[in-house]
C-alpha cells in the first residue's frame, strides 16, 4: 500500500484500526511493516496496538479526546471528573480523560492526550448515553448524576460533607436530585446513598 492510498482511505478518519487494511491485496506482514515504517517516520501516531491516527499535517480531522478514549478501550464510557466538567457540574478543566470500564484499570499516555480507565463491576456499568462530541465522532458519556456517583464510588471517604464541599459544585449545576437519589438507591450501596443525600443537601 502507498501512502497516498492510506490518505485516501483514512484522511477523514480521526483514528483507524490496522485490521481495516487487511481486506486489501497486500499480505498482512507487509501491511504491518509499512505501518511500522510510517510510524517511525512520524507520519502515523500509534495510540496502542492496532489503533492509529494520522499525524499533522496529514490529518484533516482533529480527533476529539472523548472519541479517542472510547476507541482506545471498549467497552467504556466517559465519567468522573471528565464527565462532570463536560456537564458543567464542576468548574475546573480536567487534563486527563477518565472513563469507566468493566475491565482492568489502566492509564495511557498517547500523542493525543492522557487517558485513565477505572474499574467498576458490571452491575454499576450503566447510566450513560451515546453522544457526538465532534462531527462524526462518538462516545458514551455518563449522565451527570451517574458521573458523580461513579466518582463517589471510586473515591475513599467520599461519603462526607467535607469531601462533597470540596467538589465546589457549580451553583447552576444541572443535577436532578430525584434522579441522583434513585440511582444511588438502585446501586444498593449505602455509601452512594449517603453521598447522594449529602449532595442533595448542598444543592437545596
Protein backbone atom coordinates (compact mmCIF):
# COMPACT_ATOMS: atom_id res chain seq x y z
CA UNK A 1 0.00 0.00 0.00
CA UNK A 2 1.17 3.51 -0.83
CA UNK A 3 0.93 6.49 1.46
CA UNK A 4 -1.44 8.26 -0.94
CA UNK A 5 -3.76 5.26 -0.77
CA UNK A 6 -3.80 5.37 3.02
CA UNK A 7 -4.62 9.08 2.96
CA UNK A 8 -7.44 8.45 0.54
CA UNK A 9 -8.87 5.73 2.78
CA UNK A 10 -8.46 7.39 6.20
CA UNK A 11 -7.87 11.09 5.59
CA UNK A 12 -11.27 11.90 7.10
CA UNK A 13 -10.98 9.42 9.98
CA UNK A 14 -9.87 10.75 13.37
CA UNK A 15 -8.47 7.29 14.23
CA UNK A 16 -8.46 3.95 12.44
CA UNK A 17 -7.70 0.31 13.14
CA UNK A 18 -4.95 -1.54 11.31
CA UNK A 19 -7.26 -4.51 10.70
CA UNK A 20 -9.19 -2.33 8.26
CA UNK A 21 -6.19 -2.55 5.91
CA UNK A 22 -6.13 -6.33 5.84
CA UNK A 23 -9.02 -6.56 3.39
CA UNK A 24 -6.78 -5.36 0.55
CA UNK A 25 -4.38 -7.25 -1.69
CA UNK A 26 -1.26 -6.70 0.42
CA UNK A 27 -0.29 -9.61 2.69
CA UNK A 28 -0.65 -8.85 6.43
CA UNK A 29 3.13 -8.93 7.16
CA UNK A 30 3.70 -6.24 4.53
CA UNK A 31 0.83 -4.12 5.89
CA UNK A 32 2.31 -4.21 9.39
CA UNK A 33 5.81 -3.44 8.13
CA UNK A 34 4.51 -0.41 6.26
CA UNK A 35 2.59 0.82 9.29
CA UNK A 36 5.76 0.47 11.35
CA UNK A 37 7.77 2.47 8.79
CA UNK A 38 5.20 5.26 8.66
CA UNK A 39 5.06 5.39 12.45
CA UNK A 40 8.85 5.63 12.74
CA UNK A 41 8.93 8.38 10.11
CA UNK A 42 6.35 10.41 12.06
CA UNK A 43 3.54 10.15 9.54
CA UNK A 44 1.40 7.96 11.78
CA UNK A 45 0.71 8.01 15.51
CA UNK A 46 0.30 4.60 17.13
CA UNK A 47 -2.10 5.08 20.02
CA UNK A 48 -2.00 1.47 21.09
CA UNK A 49 -1.59 -1.86 19.34
CA UNK A 50 -3.78 -1.86 16.24
CA UNK A 51 -5.07 1.73 16.64
CA UNK A 52 -3.57 4.66 14.70
CA UNK A 53 -4.12 8.30 13.84
CA UNK A 54 -2.64 10.38 11.07
CA UNK A 55 -0.05 12.87 12.30
CA UNK A 56 -0.04 16.57 11.44
CA UNK A 57 -0.07 17.87 8.74
CA UNK A 58 -1.67 14.88 7.05
CA UNK A 59 -4.81 14.51 9.13
CA UNK A 60 -7.83 16.50 8.04
CA UNK A 61 -9.94 15.79 11.14
CA UNK A 62 -8.82 16.60 14.68
CA UNK A 63 -9.55 13.64 16.97
CA UNK A 64 -11.73 14.61 19.92
CA UNK A 65 -10.28 13.30 23.21
CA UNK A 66 -13.58 11.65 24.17
CA UNK A 67 -13.75 9.78 20.87
CA UNK A 68 -10.13 8.68 21.26
CA UNK A 69 -10.86 7.46 24.79
CA UNK A 70 -13.78 5.40 23.51
CA UNK A 71 -11.71 3.84 20.74
CA UNK A 72 -8.77 3.08 23.00
CA UNK A 73 -10.83 0.94 25.34
CA UNK A 74 -14.08 -0.91 24.71
CA UNK A 75 -16.42 -1.15 26.47
CA UNK A 76 -16.07 2.10 28.38
CA UNK A 77 -17.84 5.39 28.97
CA UNK A 78 -16.54 8.83 29.93
CA UNK A 79 -17.26 9.54 33.59
CA UNK A 80 -15.96 11.02 36.86
CA UNK A 81 -14.32 14.47 36.62
CA UNK A 82 -14.24 14.41 32.80
CA UNK A 83 -18.00 13.96 32.52
CA UNK A 84 -18.72 16.33 35.41
CA UNK A 85 -16.68 19.09 33.74
CA UNK A 86 -18.40 18.42 30.40
CA UNK A 87 -21.82 18.76 32.06
CA UNK A 88 -20.73 21.95 33.86
CA UNK A 89 -21.07 20.37 37.30
CA UNK A 90 -17.53 21.20 38.44
CA UNK A 91 -15.65 24.36 37.44
CA UNK A 92 -12.13 23.29 36.61
CA UNK A 93 -10.75 21.76 33.44
CA UNK A 94 -9.56 18.16 33.52
CA UNK A 95 -6.17 17.27 31.97
CA UNK A 96 -6.81 13.50 31.90
CA UNK A 97 -9.83 11.96 30.20
CA UNK A 98 -11.23 9.47 32.70
CA UNK A 99 -13.51 6.61 31.75
CA UNK A 100 -15.18 3.70 33.49
CA UNK A 101 -14.80 0.12 32.29
CA UNK A 102 -15.67 -3.36 33.48
CA UNK A 103 -12.14 -4.45 32.59
CA UNK A 104 -8.90 -3.89 34.40
CA UNK A 105 -7.88 -0.33 35.34
CA UNK A 106 -5.34 1.32 33.10
CA UNK A 107 -3.57 4.62 32.41
CA UNK A 108 -2.40 5.50 28.90
CA UNK A 109 -0.21 8.35 27.70
CA UNK A 110 -0.51 8.90 23.94
CA UNK A 111 0.37 11.55 21.38
CA UNK A 112 -3.25 12.69 21.55
CA UNK A 113 -3.56 13.01 25.31
CA UNK A 114 -3.68 11.15 28.61
CA UNK A 115 -6.40 8.66 29.43
CA UNK A 116 -7.37 6.77 32.57
CA UNK A 117 -9.76 3.84 32.93
CA UNK A 118 -11.30 2.95 36.28
CA UNK A 119 -12.88 -0.40 37.01
CA UNK A 120 -16.45 -0.94 38.20
CA UNK A 121 -18.40 -4.15 38.47
CA UNK A 122 -20.85 -4.99 35.71
CA UNK A 123 -23.87 -4.12 37.86
CA UNK A 124 -22.70 -0.48 38.02
CA UNK A 125 -21.87 -0.21 34.32
CA UNK A 126 -24.92 1.85 33.33
CA UNK A 127 -26.27 5.39 33.39
CA UNK A 128 -24.63 6.63 30.18
CA UNK A 129 -25.74 7.84 26.76
CA UNK A 130 -24.17 7.99 23.31
CA UNK A 131 -23.08 11.48 22.28
CA UNK A 132 -21.29 13.12 19.36
CA UNK A 133 -18.68 15.49 20.87
CA UNK A 134 -17.39 16.37 17.40
CA UNK A 135 -18.77 15.78 13.92
CA UNK A 136 -18.94 12.06 13.13
CA UNK A 137 -17.07 11.22 16.36
CA UNK A 138 -18.88 9.30 19.07
CA UNK A 139 -18.51 8.05 22.61
CA UNK A 140 -20.59 7.02 25.59
CA UNK A 141 -20.87 9.65 28.32
CA UNK A 142 -22.15 9.23 31.87
CA UNK A 143 -25.23 11.17 32.80
CA UNK A 144 -24.29 13.91 35.28
CA UNK A 145 -25.79 12.10 38.28
CA UNK A 146 -24.04 8.84 37.34
CA UNK A 147 -20.70 10.58 36.84
CA UNK A 148 -20.95 11.99 40.36
CA UNK A 149 -21.90 8.62 41.84
CA UNK A 150 -19.03 6.93 39.97
CA UNK A 151 -16.65 9.45 41.49
CA UNK A 152 -18.09 8.86 44.96
CA UNK A 153 -17.88 5.09 44.49
CA UNK A 154 -14.22 5.17 43.45
CA UNK A 155 -13.03 7.76 46.00
CA UNK A 156 -12.29 6.66 49.59
CA UNK A 157 -14.05 8.82 52.16
CA UNK A 158 -16.35 10.42 49.61
CA UNK A 159 -19.41 9.99 51.82
CA UNK A 160 -18.59 13.04 53.93
CA UNK A 161 -19.78 16.63 53.92
CA UNK A 162 -16.18 17.85 53.72
CA UNK A 163 -15.49 15.87 50.56
CA UNK A 164 -18.74 16.98 48.93
CA UNK A 165 -17.93 20.62 49.72
CA UNK A 166 -14.51 20.16 48.16
CA UNK A 167 -16.10 19.37 44.81
CA UNK A 168 -17.19 23.01 44.54
CA UNK A 169 -20.33 22.06 42.66
CA UNK A 170 -21.37 24.84 40.30
CA UNK A 171 -24.38 26.84 41.60
CA UNK A 172 -26.11 26.28 38.27
CA UNK A 173 -25.33 22.55 38.28
CA UNK A 174 -27.97 20.63 36.37
CA UNK A 175 -28.12 17.70 38.75
CA UNK A 176 -31.57 16.22 39.28
CA UNK A 177 -31.96 15.33 42.95
CA UNK A 178 -34.64 12.72 42.32
CA UNK A 179 -32.53 11.03 39.65
CA UNK A 180 -29.44 11.11 41.87
CA UNK A 181 -31.28 9.55 44.81
CA UNK A 182 -32.92 6.90 42.62
CA UNK A 183 -29.58 5.91 41.04
CA UNK A 184 -27.95 5.68 44.45
CA UNK A 185 -30.75 3.51 45.80
CA UNK A 186 -30.64 1.26 42.74
CA UNK A 187 -26.93 0.68 43.28
CA UNK A 188 -27.64 -0.94 46.64
CA UNK A 189 -24.62 0.86 48.10
CA UNK A 190 -25.10 2.58 51.48
CA UNK A 191 -22.08 4.75 50.68
CA UNK A 192 -23.61 6.05 47.47
CA UNK A 193 -26.92 6.66 49.21
CA UNK A 194 -25.13 8.75 51.83
CA UNK A 195 -23.27 10.65 49.10
CA UNK A 196 -26.48 11.36 47.20
CA UNK A 197 -28.23 12.63 50.32
CA UNK A 198 -25.32 14.96 51.12
CA UNK A 199 -25.24 16.32 47.59
CA UNK A 200 -28.96 16.99 47.72
CA UNK A 201 -28.44 18.95 50.93
CA UNK A 202 -25.78 21.09 49.22
CA UNK A 203 -27.99 21.77 46.21
CA UNK A 204 -31.15 22.52 48.19
